[in-house]
């Protein structure tokens, strides 16, 4: 199995292209949780995610004959960029199969790094199947995103950095997709430190590893559904699962609403941009998905920051909804002069701010002498949102809360 020495050996190759990412103490999240929270900012890595580490270590091991053949891989986006950049740096041709609905930003970035992108399938697993077809038909070398000890070792260099930057760490929280990242990080941490806990986190809509740990064998999901596209795989890796069972202390899950709120908090409190997969580790801390003590030193790994801008807008809105700071309501009002002004005055009196409104007289669901009013509001929290709704209802309006 992968050893601590394997991770140490990988560092030499990884450092040729990857950067040593910061580990920053977070006053805001420490105050929110009572723990001593340090953020491992792997979202600041070259290509915006940790995947360059494993890709570089794997490509460095190619023989001359394999370099001539070129490489092929499948990826939802971050591994794609890592392989494309590492291959280009090594003078190796790379073909990257990505799901059809992969974020545009990740597809375009992979092309810029020199990868030949092929879009195929609805998720990572279908893209991977097509990549293996290309492997056979074109005699290319397949570079797996996580089922490879050299890739795991490269990812594990994050654990070496955490151990050096924060030797007093009690708990490290790591995202899990296929399992390559946590396999490498857990190996490095358990080898470098005497007493450290490693907690893995999955999205609830792609929780193969969590289910597999509970059942004692790998579980394949029928499909995945999560905003955390970077860890959206149907089945944890065959080669990575033994590492999770032996070297990871606990595996928990967070749902998309929790991910969205955490992503929004990172933007607001830390001025840090992450993707869905990059937010899950901190989400598990904020939502207390595992037990920890006051003052415990915790390092959540923010594993990537490659989020599509359209997705970011949607996720922020969902985060604000969960925090009670965005309220969308609809109500019916009489279609007569001054009625809209009356509603607006109630909202103003309650100190809420109108983002947008839609005034529709043509809806078939309302009376001829009425209008349907939809309002998007900025509120200060759940209590304030409830006060706004109560004030409108007290004035005689029947309010439907849409978010």
Protein backbone atom coordinates (compact mmCIF):
# COMPACT_ATOMS: atom_id res chain seq x y z
CA UNK A 1 0.00 0.00 0.00
CA UNK A 2 0.91 3.64 -0.36
CA UNK A 3 3.43 4.67 2.31
CA UNK A 4 4.54 7.89 3.93
CA UNK A 5 7.87 7.56 2.09
CA UNK A 6 5.97 7.44 -1.23
CA UNK A 7 4.40 10.80 -0.43
CA UNK A 8 7.78 12.25 0.54
CA UNK A 9 9.21 11.03 -2.77
CA UNK A 10 6.33 12.62 -4.69
CA UNK A 11 7.12 16.06 -3.30
CA UNK A 12 10.18 16.43 -5.55
CA UNK A 13 8.06 16.05 -8.69
CA UNK A 14 5.08 18.02 -7.39
CA UNK A 15 7.16 21.05 -6.48
CA UNK A 16 8.26 21.40 -10.10
CA UNK A 17 4.88 22.90 -10.97
CA UNK A 18 2.59 23.11 -7.92
CA UNK A 19 2.85 25.84 -5.29
CA UNK A 20 2.87 25.52 -1.51
CA UNK A 21 -0.56 26.86 -0.63
CA UNK A 22 -1.26 29.03 2.44
CA UNK A 23 -2.75 27.82 5.72
CA UNK A 24 -4.63 30.78 7.20
CA UNK A 25 -6.16 31.12 10.64
CA UNK A 26 -9.80 32.23 10.44
CA UNK A 27 -10.92 34.50 13.26
CA UNK A 28 -14.48 34.55 11.90
CA UNK A 29 -14.96 30.80 11.67
CA UNK A 30 -13.16 30.27 14.98
CA UNK A 31 -15.67 32.60 16.59
CA UNK A 32 -18.59 30.82 14.92
CA UNK A 33 -17.49 27.32 15.96
CA UNK A 34 -15.43 27.72 19.12
CA UNK A 35 -12.67 25.73 17.41
CA UNK A 36 -9.24 26.90 16.31
CA UNK A 37 -9.95 26.89 12.56
CA UNK A 38 -7.17 27.12 9.96
CA UNK A 39 -8.13 27.06 6.27
CA UNK A 40 -5.86 25.16 3.86
CA UNK A 41 -6.29 27.31 0.75
CA UNK A 42 -5.77 24.79 -2.02
CA UNK A 43 -8.15 26.92 -4.10
CA UNK A 44 -5.13 29.18 -4.64
CA UNK A 45 -3.18 26.32 -6.25
CA UNK A 46 -2.09 26.51 -9.89
CA UNK A 47 -5.09 25.49 -12.01
CA UNK A 48 -7.25 26.43 -9.00
CA UNK A 49 -7.29 22.99 -7.36
CA UNK A 50 -5.13 20.28 -5.79
CA UNK A 51 -5.32 17.95 -8.81
CA UNK A 52 -2.13 19.31 -10.37
CA UNK A 53 -0.18 17.58 -7.59
CA UNK A 54 -1.24 14.03 -8.45
CA UNK A 55 -1.14 14.65 -12.19
CA UNK A 56 2.42 15.95 -12.04
CA UNK A 57 3.65 13.01 -9.97
CA UNK A 58 2.03 10.49 -12.32
CA UNK A 59 3.26 12.08 -15.54
CA UNK A 60 6.80 12.33 -14.13
CA UNK A 61 6.80 8.51 -13.94
CA UNK A 62 5.94 7.94 -17.63
CA UNK A 63 8.49 6.05 -19.69
CA UNK A 64 9.78 7.49 -22.95
CA UNK A 65 7.58 5.05 -24.86
CA UNK A 66 4.50 6.12 -22.87
CA UNK A 67 5.26 9.80 -23.46
CA UNK A 68 5.26 9.15 -27.20
CA UNK A 69 1.85 7.49 -27.01
CA UNK A 70 0.26 10.39 -25.13
CA UNK A 71 -2.19 10.26 -22.26
CA UNK A 72 -5.96 10.23 -21.89
CA UNK A 73 -8.10 10.78 -18.83
CA UNK A 74 -11.62 11.59 -17.68
CA UNK A 75 -12.53 14.40 -15.35
CA UNK A 76 -15.34 16.66 -14.17
CA UNK A 77 -12.87 19.53 -14.47
CA UNK A 78 -10.09 19.88 -11.93
CA UNK A 79 -8.16 16.70 -12.78
CA UNK A 80 -8.59 17.73 -16.42
CA UNK A 81 -6.76 20.99 -15.85
CA UNK A 82 -4.06 19.33 -13.79
CA UNK A 83 -3.35 16.68 -16.42
CA UNK A 84 -3.45 19.21 -19.26
CA UNK A 85 -0.93 21.51 -17.58
CA UNK A 86 1.37 18.74 -16.35
CA UNK A 87 1.33 17.01 -19.74
CA UNK A 88 2.01 20.22 -21.61
CA UNK A 89 4.92 21.02 -19.28
CA UNK A 90 6.32 17.53 -19.96
CA UNK A 91 5.82 17.75 -23.74
CA UNK A 92 3.16 15.02 -23.73
CA UNK A 93 -0.08 15.10 -25.74
CA UNK A 94 -3.19 14.88 -23.58
CA UNK A 95 -6.81 14.01 -24.39
CA UNK A 96 -9.35 14.90 -21.70
CA UNK A 97 -12.90 13.51 -21.69
CA UNK A 98 -15.29 15.67 -19.69
CA UNK A 99 -19.06 15.33 -19.06
CA UNK A 100 -21.21 17.33 -21.47
CA UNK A 101 -22.46 19.48 -18.63
CA UNK A 102 -19.07 20.20 -17.06
CA UNK A 103 -18.74 23.88 -16.05
CA UNK A 104 -17.78 26.00 -19.04
CA UNK A 105 -15.00 27.66 -17.04
CA UNK A 106 -13.33 24.30 -16.41
CA UNK A 107 -13.67 23.19 -20.03
CA UNK A 108 -12.14 26.41 -21.35
CA UNK A 109 -9.33 26.36 -18.79
CA UNK A 110 -8.43 22.78 -19.76
CA UNK A 111 -8.15 23.85 -23.38
CA UNK A 112 -5.94 26.80 -22.42
CA UNK A 113 -3.58 24.47 -20.57
CA UNK A 114 -3.12 22.48 -23.77
CA UNK A 115 -5.54 19.58 -23.39
CA UNK A 116 -7.58 18.19 -26.29
CA UNK A 117 -11.09 18.21 -24.75
CA UNK A 118 -13.78 15.70 -25.68
CA UNK A 119 -17.25 16.23 -24.17
CA UNK A 120 -19.12 12.97 -23.56
CA UNK A 121 -21.71 11.62 -21.09
CA UNK A 122 -23.84 13.17 -18.38
CA UNK A 123 -21.43 12.58 -15.48
CA UNK A 124 -17.87 11.53 -14.60
CA UNK A 125 -18.58 7.80 -14.88
CA UNK A 126 -19.88 8.03 -18.45
CA UNK A 127 -16.96 10.28 -19.40
CA UNK A 128 -14.57 7.75 -17.91
CA UNK A 129 -16.06 4.88 -19.93
CA UNK A 130 -15.52 6.86 -23.14
CA UNK A 131 -11.96 7.74 -22.12
CA UNK A 132 -11.20 4.02 -21.80
CA UNK A 133 -12.54 3.53 -25.33
CA UNK A 134 -10.07 6.15 -26.58
CA UNK A 135 -7.33 4.45 -24.56
CA UNK A 136 -7.95 1.16 -26.39
CA UNK A 137 -8.59 2.58 -29.85
CA UNK A 138 -5.68 5.05 -29.90
CA UNK A 139 -3.24 3.15 -27.65
CA UNK A 140 -2.92 6.00 -25.17
CA UNK A 141 -1.88 5.77 -21.52
CA UNK A 142 -4.82 6.17 -19.18
CA UNK A 143 -4.28 8.50 -16.20
CA UNK A 144 -6.91 7.81 -13.58
CA UNK A 145 -8.11 10.69 -11.43
CA UNK A 146 -7.79 8.69 -8.20
CA UNK A 147 -7.24 4.94 -8.75
CA UNK A 148 -3.45 5.28 -8.91
CA UNK A 149 -0.92 5.21 -6.06
CA UNK A 150 1.28 7.80 -7.78
CA UNK A 151 -1.70 10.15 -8.04
CA UNK A 152 -2.59 9.53 -4.40
CA UNK A 153 1.00 10.22 -3.36
CA UNK A 154 0.99 13.51 -5.24
CA UNK A 155 -2.24 14.61 -3.57
CA UNK A 156 -0.78 13.55 -0.25
CA UNK A 157 1.77 16.36 -0.39
CA UNK A 158 -1.05 18.59 0.92
CA UNK A 159 -0.88 16.55 4.11
CA UNK A 160 2.87 17.12 4.35
CA UNK A 161 2.32 20.85 4.09
CA UNK A 162 -0.42 20.86 6.73
CA UNK A 163 1.81 18.88 9.13
CA UNK A 164 4.62 21.42 8.66
CA UNK A 165 2.43 24.53 8.73
CA UNK A 166 0.30 23.44 11.71
CA UNK A 167 2.03 20.63 13.65
CA UNK A 168 -0.39 21.12 16.56
CA UNK A 169 -3.41 20.19 14.38
CA UNK A 170 -5.96 17.87 16.00
CA UNK A 171 -8.33 17.25 13.07
CA UNK A 172 -7.97 17.61 9.29
CA UNK A 173 -11.17 17.61 7.24
CA UNK A 174 -10.88 16.47 3.63
CA UNK A 175 -13.41 16.18 0.77
CA UNK A 176 -14.03 12.76 -0.78
CA UNK A 177 -15.03 12.05 -4.34
CA UNK A 178 -13.26 8.98 -5.67
CA UNK A 179 -10.99 8.99 -2.64
CA UNK A 180 -7.54 9.77 -4.06
CA UNK A 181 -7.11 13.02 -2.16
CA UNK A 182 -8.03 11.70 1.26
CA UNK A 183 -6.05 8.48 0.73
CA UNK A 184 -2.89 10.49 0.10
CA UNK A 185 -3.52 13.14 2.76
CA UNK A 186 -4.38 10.57 5.45
CA UNK A 187 -1.24 8.60 4.60
CA UNK A 188 0.92 11.71 4.89
CA UNK A 189 -0.66 12.96 8.10
CA UNK A 190 -0.61 9.62 9.90
CA UNK A 191 3.05 9.27 8.94
CA UNK A 192 4.07 12.79 9.92
CA UNK A 193 2.11 13.28 13.16
CA UNK A 194 1.58 11.02 16.13
CA UNK A 195 -1.99 11.94 17.00
CA UNK A 196 -4.16 13.44 14.28
CA UNK A 197 -7.74 12.72 13.27
CA UNK A 198 -8.75 12.67 9.59
CA UNK A 199 -12.42 13.27 8.76
CA UNK A 200 -13.74 12.76 5.24
CA UNK A 201 -16.69 14.70 3.82
CA UNK A 202 -18.98 13.90 0.91
CA UNK A 203 -21.92 15.68 -0.65
CA UNK A 204 -25.16 13.99 0.40
CA UNK A 205 -26.10 13.66 -3.27
CA UNK A 206 -22.92 11.69 -4.04
CA UNK A 207 -22.27 9.73 -0.86
CA UNK A 208 -20.81 6.45 -2.10
CA UNK A 209 -17.87 6.50 0.34
CA UNK A 210 -20.07 7.25 3.35
CA UNK A 211 -22.44 4.42 2.46
CA UNK A 212 -19.55 2.09 1.70
CA UNK A 213 -17.96 2.72 5.11
CA UNK A 214 -21.27 2.00 6.83
CA UNK A 215 -21.87 -1.21 4.89
CA UNK A 216 -18.28 -2.44 4.86
CA UNK A 217 -18.07 -2.76 1.08
CA UNK A 218 -18.13 -0.44 -1.91
CA UNK A 219 -21.56 0.85 -2.86
CA UNK A 220 -22.30 2.11 -6.37
CA UNK A 221 -24.94 4.83 -6.67
CA UNK A 222 -27.47 4.87 -9.49
CA UNK A 223 -26.74 8.55 -10.05
CA UNK A 224 -25.37 11.68 -8.39
CA UNK A 225 -27.00 15.04 -7.78
CA UNK A 226 -25.01 17.80 -6.10
CA UNK A 227 -23.68 21.30 -6.65
CA UNK A 228 -20.27 19.89 -5.71
CA UNK A 229 -19.47 18.62 -9.21
CA UNK A 230 -15.80 18.07 -8.39
CA UNK A 231 -16.64 15.17 -6.05
CA UNK A 232 -19.73 13.87 -7.86
CA UNK A 233 -18.79 10.24 -8.56
CA UNK A 234 -21.08 7.21 -8.34
CA UNK A 235 -18.61 4.91 -6.61
CA UNK A 236 -15.60 5.39 -4.39
CA UNK A 237 -12.44 3.90 -5.85
CA UNK A 238 -11.58 0.22 -5.53
CA UNK A 239 -7.97 1.09 -4.67
CA UNK A 240 -8.77 4.11 -2.50
CA UNK A 241 -11.47 2.50 -0.36
CA UNK A 242 -9.02 0.39 1.71
CA UNK A 243 -7.16 3.58 2.65
CA UNK A 244 -10.40 5.22 3.73
CA UNK A 245 -11.30 2.22 5.89
CA UNK A 246 -7.86 1.98 7.49
CA UNK A 247 -6.60 5.57 7.71
CA UNK A 248 -9.69 7.80 7.84
CA UNK A 249 -11.36 8.11 11.23
CA UNK A 250 -14.84 9.18 10.14
CA UNK A 251 -16.82 10.00 6.98
CA UNK A 252 -19.74 12.44 7.08
CA UNK A 253 -21.98 14.18 4.54
CA UNK A 254 -23.31 17.70 3.95
CA UNK A 255 -26.24 18.67 1.75
CA UNK A 256 -26.33 21.26 -1.02
CA UNK A 257 -28.02 23.90 1.17
CA UNK A 258 -25.22 23.59 3.71
CA UNK A 259 -22.62 23.76 0.95
CA UNK A 260 -24.26 26.88 -0.51
CA UNK A 261 -24.34 28.68 2.83
CA UNK A 262 -20.70 27.82 3.53
CA UNK A 263 -19.61 29.00 0.10
CA UNK A 264 -21.46 32.28 0.70
CA UNK A 265 -19.90 32.69 4.15
CA UNK A 266 -16.42 32.10 2.72
CA UNK A 267 -17.01 34.88 0.21
CA UNK A 268 -18.38 37.26 2.81
CA UNK A 269 -16.20 36.49 5.83
CA UNK A 270 -12.90 35.40 4.27
CA UNK A 271 -13.09 36.94 0.78
CA UNK A 272 -12.35 33.45 -0.51
CA UNK A 273 -13.85 31.92 -3.65
CA UNK A 274 -14.32 28.15 -3.70
CA UNK A 275 -16.36 25.71 -5.73
CA UNK A 276 -18.94 23.39 -4.19
CA UNK A 277 -16.40 20.62 -3.56
CA UNK A 278 -14.09 23.19 -2.01
CA UNK A 279 -16.71 24.18 0.57
CA UNK A 280 -17.72 20.74 1.90
CA UNK A 281 -14.92 20.38 4.46
CA UNK A 282 -15.69 23.69 6.16
CA UNK A 283 -19.44 23.00 5.88
CA UNK A 284 -18.94 19.84 7.93
CA UNK A 285 -17.25 21.91 10.64
CA UNK A 286 -19.84 24.69 10.66
CA UNK A 287 -22.74 22.24 10.71
CA UNK A 288 -21.06 20.12 13.42
CA UNK A 289 -21.30 16.94 11.38
CA UNK A 290 -18.68 15.39 13.64
CA UNK A 291 -17.90 16.03 17.30
CA UNK A 292 -15.13 18.41 18.28
CA UNK A 293 -14.17 20.28 21.41
CA UNK A 294 -13.89 24.02 22.08
CA UNK A 295 -10.39 25.13 21.20
CA UNK A 296 -9.68 22.06 19.06
CA UNK A 297 -7.35 22.85 16.16
CA UNK A 298 -9.13 21.96 12.92
CA UNK A 299 -7.90 22.31 9.34
CA UNK A 300 -10.58 22.09 6.63
CA UNK A 301 -9.03 21.61 3.17
CA UNK A 302 -10.59 23.99 0.65
CA UNK A 303 -9.66 21.77 -2.26
CA UNK A 304 -10.69 23.89 -5.26
CA UNK A 305 -11.90 27.25 -6.46
CA UNK A 306 -12.96 26.57 -10.05
CA UNK A 307 -16.60 27.55 -9.98
CA UNK A 308 -18.61 28.62 -13.00
CA UNK A 309 -19.88 32.20 -12.64
CA UNK A 310 -23.49 31.29 -13.42
CA UNK A 311 -23.32 28.53 -10.83
CA UNK A 312 -21.78 30.95 -8.34
CA UNK A 313 -24.72 33.34 -8.70
CA UNK A 314 -27.21 30.54 -8.08
CA UNK A 315 -25.29 29.15 -5.13
CA UNK A 316 -24.96 32.56 -3.48
CA UNK A 317 -28.71 33.10 -3.73
CA UNK A 318 -29.35 29.69 -2.18
CA UNK A 319 -26.89 30.52 0.55
CA UNK A 320 -28.61 33.82 1.29
CA UNK A 321 -31.98 32.06 1.40
CA UNK A 322 -30.67 29.58 3.96
CA UNK A 323 -29.26 32.45 6.03
CA UNK A 324 -32.61 34.27 5.91
CA UNK A 325 -31.19 37.19 3.97
CA UNK A 326 -33.07 36.71 0.71
CA UNK A 327 -36.85 36.41 0.69
CA UNK A 328 -39.10 35.86 -2.31
CA UNK A 329 -42.83 36.28 -1.74
CA UNK A 330 -45.99 36.63 -3.80
CA UNK A 331 -49.34 38.12 -2.91
CA UNK A 332 -52.56 39.22 -4.57
CA UNK A 333 -53.58 42.86 -4.40
CA UNK A 334 -56.48 44.90 -5.73
CA UNK A 335 -55.73 46.51 -9.07
CA UNK A 336 -56.34 50.09 -8.02
CA UNK A 337 -54.26 53.25 -7.54
CA UNK A 338 -52.12 53.34 -4.42
CA UNK A 339 -52.21 49.62 -3.65
CA UNK A 340 -48.65 48.97 -4.73
CA UNK A 341 -47.50 52.01 -2.78
CA UNK A 342 -49.23 50.62 0.32
CA UNK A 343 -47.34 47.34 0.05
CA UNK A 344 -44.06 49.18 -0.53
CA UNK A 345 -44.63 51.37 2.54
CA UNK A 346 -45.17 48.30 4.75
CA UNK A 347 -41.95 46.75 3.48
CA UNK A 348 -40.08 50.03 4.03
CA UNK A 349 -41.47 50.37 7.55
CA UNK A 350 -40.14 46.89 8.33
CA UNK A 351 -36.69 47.98 7.06
CA UNK A 352 -36.49 45.43 4.22
CA UNK A 353 -34.98 46.27 0.85
CA UNK A 354 -36.61 45.43 -2.49
CA UNK A 355 -34.33 43.69 -4.99
CA UNK A 356 -36.95 43.28 -7.71
CA UNK A 357 -40.69 42.97 -8.22
CA UNK A 358 -43.06 41.67 -10.87
CA UNK A 359 -46.60 43.06 -11.23
CA UNK A 360 -48.87 40.83 -13.34
CA UNK A 361 -52.52 41.59 -14.15
CA UNK A 362 -52.93 38.72 -16.66
CA UNK A 363 -52.62 35.63 -14.46
CA UNK A 364 -55.57 33.26 -14.79
CA UNK A 365 -55.31 32.37 -11.10
CA UNK A 366 -56.47 35.76 -9.85
CA UNK A 367 -59.64 37.85 -10.12
CA UNK A 368 -60.15 40.26 -13.02
CA UNK A 369 -59.87 43.26 -10.70
CA UNK A 370 -56.68 42.00 -9.03
CA UNK A 371 -52.98 41.71 -9.79
CA UNK A 372 -50.35 39.19 -8.82
CA UNK A 373 -47.31 40.76 -7.15
CA UNK A 374 -44.01 38.91 -6.76
CA UNK A 375 -41.31 40.59 -4.67
CA UNK A 376 -37.67 39.71 -4.03
CA UNK A 377 -36.41 41.18 -0.76
CA UNK A 378 -33.18 41.60 1.16
CA UNK A 379 -33.75 40.79 4.83
CA UNK A 380 -31.48 40.63 7.88
CA UNK A 381 -32.17 37.05 8.91
CA UNK A 382 -34.95 34.53 9.46
CA UNK A 383 -36.58 36.51 12.27
CA UNK A 384 -36.62 39.70 10.20
CA UNK A 385 -38.06 37.84 7.19
CA UNK A 386 -40.85 36.47 9.39
CA UNK A 387 -41.58 39.98 10.67
CA UNK A 388 -41.97 41.30 7.11
CA UNK A 389 -44.39 38.53 6.20
CA UNK A 390 -46.35 39.04 9.44
CA UNK A 391 -46.68 42.78 8.81
CA UNK A 392 -48.10 42.18 5.32
CA UNK A 393 -50.51 39.57 6.61
CA UNK A 394 -51.64 41.88 9.40
CA UNK A 395 -52.45 44.45 6.72
CA UNK A 396 -54.80 41.92 5.12
CA UNK A 397 -52.61 40.38 2.42
CA UNK A 398 -52.36 36.64 1.87
CA UNK A 399 -48.63 36.07 1.48
CA UNK A 400 -47.05 33.04 -0.14
CA UNK A 401 -43.37 32.52 0.70
CA UNK A 402 -41.60 31.11 -2.37
CA UNK A 403 -38.12 30.79 -0.81
